[in-house]
Amino acid sequence: MFLINRKNALPLLLILFTAAAIAVWNYVHELRAKFPDLDFSRAQIGRSSWYSRNDPGINPRTANNEKFDDNAMTCASYDYPFQEELLVINAMNGKWVVCRVNDRGPNKRLNRKIDLTKAAFRKIARTRKGLINVTIIPTRKLAAKKAEAAAKAA
């Protein structure tokens, strides 16, 4: 039987801490390889929910006048501009999804950062969960987006 006592507690904690640090390093390295322009300066941590066209009060059109689609990888946020692509990571299981902002929400009084469509939420958690803790990271730096927009205008 393995018992933790004062003699073996410190080495055990060091091993656990090192393993956790290596796991986080690998996870971040993998994300940076897939998304080299992640903008960590505008990242946020908060709660996320999902919404569907079957929910009461949901308009058939989004705030930027697109037709609402439950199956699209889109989201609603007040904190990011329309068409911004966001990497949304479930804090509990590490699953992630990239979705595009095409709507405004969630209601400020609900203390949520983002609403995902049902399909986007389903990629990172079960819909019966309802609310999850997430990390939200824009996939492109703001300066890169401005440069691209200037190039298109010229």
C-alpha atoms as a PDB file:
ATOM      1  CA  MET A   1       0.000   0.000   0.000  1.00  0.00           C
ATOM      2  CA  PHE A   2       1.347   3.415  -0.986  1.00  0.00           C
ATOM      3  CA  LEU A   3       1.121   6.051   1.719  1.00  0.00           C
ATOM      4  CA  ILE A   4       2.107   9.676   1.403  1.00  0.00           C
ATOM      5  CA  ASN A   5       4.205  10.934   4.267  1.00  0.00           C
ATOM      6  CA  ARG A   6       6.539  13.872   4.827  1.00  0.00           C
ATOM      7  CA  LYS A   7       9.537  12.039   3.367  1.00  0.00           C
ATOM      8  CA  ASN A   8       7.987  11.264  -0.018  1.00  0.00           C
ATOM      9  CA  ALA A   9       5.518  14.172  -0.367  1.00  0.00           C
ATOM     10  CA  LEU A  10       7.950  16.715  -1.833  1.00  0.00           C
ATOM     11  CA  PRO A  11       9.386  14.434  -4.551  1.00  0.00           C
ATOM     12  CA  LEU A  12       5.879  13.300  -5.430  1.00  0.00           C
ATOM     13  CA  LEU A  13       4.678  16.901  -5.748  1.00  0.00           C
ATOM     14  CA  LEU A  14       7.686  17.777  -7.921  1.00  0.00           C
ATOM     15  CA  ILE A  15       6.954  14.843 -10.226  1.00  0.00           C
ATOM     16  CA  LEU A  16       3.269  15.824 -10.517  1.00  0.00           C
ATOM     17  CA  PHE A  17       4.114  19.487 -11.128  1.00  0.00           C
ATOM     18  CA  THR A  18       6.689  18.584 -13.787  1.00  0.00           C
ATOM     19  CA  ALA A  19       4.244  16.252 -15.543  1.00  0.00           C
ATOM     20  CA  ALA A  20       1.555  18.956 -15.539  1.00  0.00           C
ATOM     21  CA  ALA A  21       3.997  21.562 -16.876  1.00  0.00           C
ATOM     22  CA  ILE A  22       5.067  19.235 -19.702  1.00  0.00           C
ATOM     23  CA  ALA A  23       1.431  18.489 -20.600  1.00  0.00           C
ATOM     24  CA  VAL A  24       0.549  22.198 -20.732  1.00  0.00           C
ATOM     25  CA  TRP A  25       3.687  22.950 -22.774  1.00  0.00           C
ATOM     26  CA  ASN A  26       2.788  20.253 -25.322  1.00  0.00           C
ATOM     27  CA  TYR A  27      -0.797  21.504 -25.551  1.00  0.00           C
ATOM     28  CA  VAL A  28       0.254  25.121 -26.136  1.00  0.00           C
ATOM     29  CA  HIS A  29       2.913  24.028 -28.649  1.00  0.00           C
ATOM     30  CA  GLU A  30       0.300  22.024 -30.586  1.00  0.00           C
ATOM     31  CA  LEU A  31      -2.091  24.991 -30.673  1.00  0.00           C
ATOM     32  CA  ARG A  32       0.674  27.366 -31.799  1.00  0.00           C
ATOM     33  CA  ALA A  33       1.591  24.968 -34.609  1.00  0.00           C
ATOM     34  CA  LYS A  34      -2.012  24.920 -35.858  1.00  0.00           C
ATOM     35  CA  PHE A  35      -2.664  28.628 -35.242  1.00  0.00           C
ATOM     36  CA  PRO A  36       0.607  30.600 -35.513  1.00  0.00           C
ATOM     37  CA  ASP A  37      -1.093  34.008 -35.171  1.00  0.00           C
ATOM     38  CA  LEU A  38      -2.971  33.452 -31.903  1.00  0.00           C
ATOM     39  CA  ASP A  39      -3.525  36.795 -30.203  1.00  0.00           C
ATOM     40  CA  PHE A  40      -3.061  36.025 -26.504  1.00  0.00           C
ATOM     41  CA  SER A  41      -3.218  39.737 -25.654  1.00  0.00           C
ATOM     42  CA  ARG A  42      -6.975  39.710 -26.398  1.00  0.00           C
ATOM     43  CA  ALA A  43      -7.687  36.296 -24.866  1.00  0.00           C
ATOM     44  CA  GLN A  44     -10.458  35.960 -22.285  1.00  0.00           C
ATOM     45  CA  ILE A  45     -11.569  33.391 -19.750  1.00  0.00           C
ATOM     46  CA  GLY A  46     -15.239  33.000 -18.915  1.00  0.00           C
ATOM     47  CA  ARG A  47     -18.389  30.945 -19.210  1.00  0.00           C
ATOM     48  CA  SER A  48     -20.010  29.794 -22.416  1.00  0.00           C
ATOM     49  CA  SER A  49     -23.468  28.548 -23.292  1.00  0.00           C
ATOM     50  CA  TRP A  50     -25.172  27.447 -26.490  1.00  0.00           C
ATOM     51  CA  TYR A  51     -28.209  28.674 -28.325  1.00  0.00           C
ATOM     52  CA  SER A  52     -30.449  27.261 -31.003  1.00  0.00           C
ATOM     53  CA  ARG A  53     -33.165  28.486 -33.339  1.00  0.00           C
ATOM     54  CA  ASN A  54     -35.631  26.502 -31.199  1.00  0.00           C
ATOM     55  CA  ASP A  55     -34.901  28.689 -28.151  1.00  0.00           C
ATOM     56  CA  PRO A  56     -37.525  31.333 -27.360  1.00  0.00           C
ATOM     57  CA  GLY A  57     -36.649  34.822 -28.573  1.00  0.00           C
ATOM     58  CA  ILE A  58     -34.029  33.760 -31.132  1.00  0.00           C
ATOM     59  CA  ASN A  59     -34.343  35.758 -34.341  1.00  0.00           C
ATOM     60  CA  PRO A  60     -34.173  34.014 -37.721  1.00  0.00           C
ATOM     61  CA  ARG A  61     -31.354  36.443 -38.626  1.00  0.00           C
ATOM     62  CA  THR A  62     -28.164  37.178 -36.707  1.00  0.00           C
ATOM     63  CA  ALA A  63     -26.980  40.665 -35.743  1.00  0.00           C
ATOM     64  CA  ASN A  64     -24.923  40.969 -38.952  1.00  0.00           C
ATOM     65  CA  ASN A  65     -27.999  39.928 -40.986  1.00  0.00           C
ATOM     66  CA  GLU A  66     -26.955  36.361 -41.810  1.00  0.00           C
ATOM     67  CA  LYS A  67     -29.538  33.606 -41.648  1.00  0.00           C
ATOM     68  CA  PHE A  68     -29.175  31.834 -38.286  1.00  0.00           C
ATOM     69  CA  ASP A  69     -27.843  28.302 -38.718  1.00  0.00           C
ATOM     70  CA  ASP A  70     -27.653  25.837 -35.807  1.00  0.00           C
ATOM     71  CA  ASN A  71     -25.139  23.710 -37.685  1.00  0.00           C
ATOM     72  CA  ALA A  72     -22.645  26.485 -38.465  1.00  0.00           C
ATOM     73  CA  MET A  73     -19.477  27.019 -36.429  1.00  0.00           C
ATOM     74  CA  THR A  74     -20.486  30.512 -35.337  1.00  0.00           C
ATOM     75  CA  CYS A  75     -20.888  32.363 -32.064  1.00  0.00           C
ATOM     76  CA  ALA A  76     -22.288  35.478 -30.418  1.00  0.00           C
ATOM     77  CA  SER A  77     -20.017  37.909 -28.572  1.00  0.00           C
ATOM     78  CA  TYR A  78     -20.026  41.576 -27.607  1.00  0.00           C
ATOM     79  CA  ASP A  79     -16.261  41.605 -27.053  1.00  0.00           C
ATOM     80  CA  TYR A  80     -15.052  40.754 -30.558  1.00  0.00           C
ATOM     81  CA  PRO A  81     -15.872  42.263 -33.975  1.00  0.00           C
ATOM     82  CA  PHE A  82     -17.999  40.504 -36.575  1.00  0.00           C
ATOM     83  CA  GLN A  83     -16.189  37.925 -38.755  1.00  0.00           C
ATOM     84  CA  GLU A  84     -13.434  37.449 -36.133  1.00  0.00           C
ATOM     85  CA  GLU A  85     -12.428  33.804 -35.827  1.00  0.00           C
ATOM     86  CA  LEU A  86     -12.081  32.633 -32.250  1.00  0.00           C
ATOM     87  CA  LEU A  87     -10.472  29.559 -30.774  1.00  0.00           C
ATOM     88  CA  VAL A  88     -12.765  28.429 -27.946  1.00  0.00           C
ATOM     89  CA  ILE A  89     -11.211  25.885 -25.576  1.00  0.00           C
ATOM     90  CA  ASN A  90     -13.206  23.923 -23.003  1.00  0.00           C
ATOM     91  CA  ALA A  91     -11.272  24.400 -19.734  1.00  0.00           C
ATOM     92  CA  MET A  92     -12.366  21.043 -18.322  1.00  0.00           C
ATOM     93  CA  ASN A  93     -11.425  18.670 -21.132  1.00  0.00           C
ATOM     94  CA  GLY A  94      -9.151  20.649 -23.491  1.00  0.00           C
ATOM     95  CA  LYS A  95     -11.394  20.169 -26.531  1.00  0.00           C
ATOM     96  CA  TRP A  96     -11.518  23.168 -28.838  1.00  0.00           C
ATOM     97  CA  VAL A  97     -13.441  24.624 -31.751  1.00  0.00           C
ATOM     98  CA  VAL A  98     -12.830  27.556 -34.094  1.00  0.00           C
ATOM     99  CA  CYS A  99     -15.921  29.660 -34.635  1.00  0.00           C
ATOM    100  CA  ARG A 100     -16.712  32.939 -36.355  1.00  0.00           C
ATOM    101  CA  VAL A 101     -18.473  35.853 -34.640  1.00  0.00           C
ATOM    102  CA  ASN A 102     -21.699  36.659 -36.489  1.00  0.00           C
ATOM    103  CA  ASP A 103     -24.039  37.664 -33.683  1.00  0.00           C
ATOM    104  CA  ARG A 104     -24.190  39.746 -30.519  1.00  0.00           C
ATOM    105  CA  GLY A 105     -24.760  38.229 -27.118  1.00  0.00           C
ATOM    106  CA  PRO A 106     -24.992  36.787 -24.555  1.00  0.00           C
ATOM    107  CA  ASN A 107     -27.002  39.087 -22.345  1.00  0.00           C
ATOM    108  CA  LYS A 108     -24.585  40.963 -20.041  1.00  0.00           C
ATOM    109  CA  ARG A 109     -26.561  40.177 -16.900  1.00  0.00           C
ATOM    110  CA  LEU A 110     -25.953  36.447 -17.420  1.00  0.00           C
ATOM    111  CA  ASN A 111     -22.170  36.821 -16.798  1.00  0.00           C
ATOM    112  CA  ARG A 112     -21.222  34.845 -19.891  1.00  0.00           C
ATOM    113  CA  LYS A 113     -18.510  35.720 -22.381  1.00  0.00           C
ATOM    114  CA  ILE A 114     -19.762  33.883 -25.443  1.00  0.00           C
ATOM    115  CA  ASP A 115     -22.725  31.959 -26.866  1.00  0.00           C
ATOM    116  CA  LEU A 116     -21.918  29.146 -29.288  1.00  0.00           C
ATOM    117  CA  THR A 117     -24.270  27.610 -31.793  1.00  0.00           C
ATOM    118  CA  LYS A 118     -25.460  24.147 -30.844  1.00  0.00           C
ATOM    119  CA  ALA A 119     -23.102  22.471 -33.338  1.00  0.00           C
ATOM    120  CA  ALA A 120     -20.044  24.399 -32.106  1.00  0.00           C
ATOM    121  CA  PHE A 121     -20.880  23.669 -28.457  1.00  0.00           C
ATOM    122  CA  ARG A 122     -21.381  19.988 -29.254  1.00  0.00           C
ATOM    123  CA  LYS A 123     -17.775  19.776 -30.514  1.00  0.00           C
ATOM    124  CA  ILE A 124     -16.374  20.697 -27.097  1.00  0.00           C
ATOM    125  CA  ALA A 125     -19.033  19.516 -24.606  1.00  0.00           C
ATOM    126  CA  ARG A 126     -22.361  17.768 -24.261  1.00  0.00           C
ATOM    127  CA  THR A 127     -25.296  20.079 -24.850  1.00  0.00           C
ATOM    128  CA  ARG A 128     -27.058  18.899 -21.712  1.00  0.00           C
ATOM    129  CA  LYS A 129     -24.175  20.471 -19.776  1.00  0.00           C
ATOM    130  CA  GLY A 130     -25.531  23.910 -20.735  1.00  0.00           C
ATOM    131  CA  LEU A 131     -22.715  26.054 -19.324  1.00  0.00           C
ATOM    132  CA  ILE A 132     -18.973  25.449 -19.475  1.00  0.00           C
ATOM    133  CA  ASN A 133     -15.813  27.334 -18.565  1.00  0.00           C
ATOM    134  CA  VAL A 134     -13.840  28.329 -21.644  1.00  0.00           C
ATOM    135  CA  THR A 135     -10.776  30.178 -22.831  1.00  0.00           C
ATOM    136  CA  ILE A 136     -11.381  32.377 -25.876  1.00  0.00           C
ATOM    137  CA  ILE A 137      -8.424  33.335 -28.090  1.00  0.00           C
ATOM    138  CA  PRO A 138      -8.631  35.257 -31.390  1.00  0.00           C
ATOM    139  CA  THR A 139      -6.884  33.253 -34.113  1.00  0.00           C
ATOM    140  CA  ARG A 140      -5.306  36.292 -35.765  1.00  0.00           C
ATOM    141  CA  LYS A 141      -3.535  39.301 -34.357  1.00  0.00           C
ATOM    142  CA  LEU A 142      -5.315  42.637 -34.743  1.00  0.00           C
ATOM    143  CA  ALA A 143      -2.307  44.241 -36.496  1.00  0.00           C
ATOM    144  CA  ALA A 144      -2.243  41.439 -39.098  1.00  0.00           C
ATOM    145  CA  LYS A 145      -5.950  41.940 -39.768  1.00  0.00           C
ATOM    146  CA  LYS A 146      -5.493  45.693 -40.204  1.00  0.00           C
ATOM    147  CA  ALA A 147      -2.588  45.154 -42.622  1.00  0.00           C
ATOM    148  CA  GLU A 148      -4.652  42.683 -44.657  1.00  0.00           C
ATOM    149  CA  ALA A 149      -7.586  45.113 -44.800  1.00  0.00           C
ATOM    150  CA  ALA A 150      -5.263  47.933 -45.927  1.00  0.00           C
ATOM    151  CA  ALA A 151      -3.801  45.707 -48.643  1.00  0.00           C
ATOM    152  CA  LYS A 152      -7.285  44.873 -49.945  1.00  0.00           C
ATOM    153  CA  ALA A 153      -8.241  48.560 -50.000  1.00  0.00           C
ATOM    154  CA  ALA A 154      -5.142  49.522 -52.008  1.00  0.00           C
END
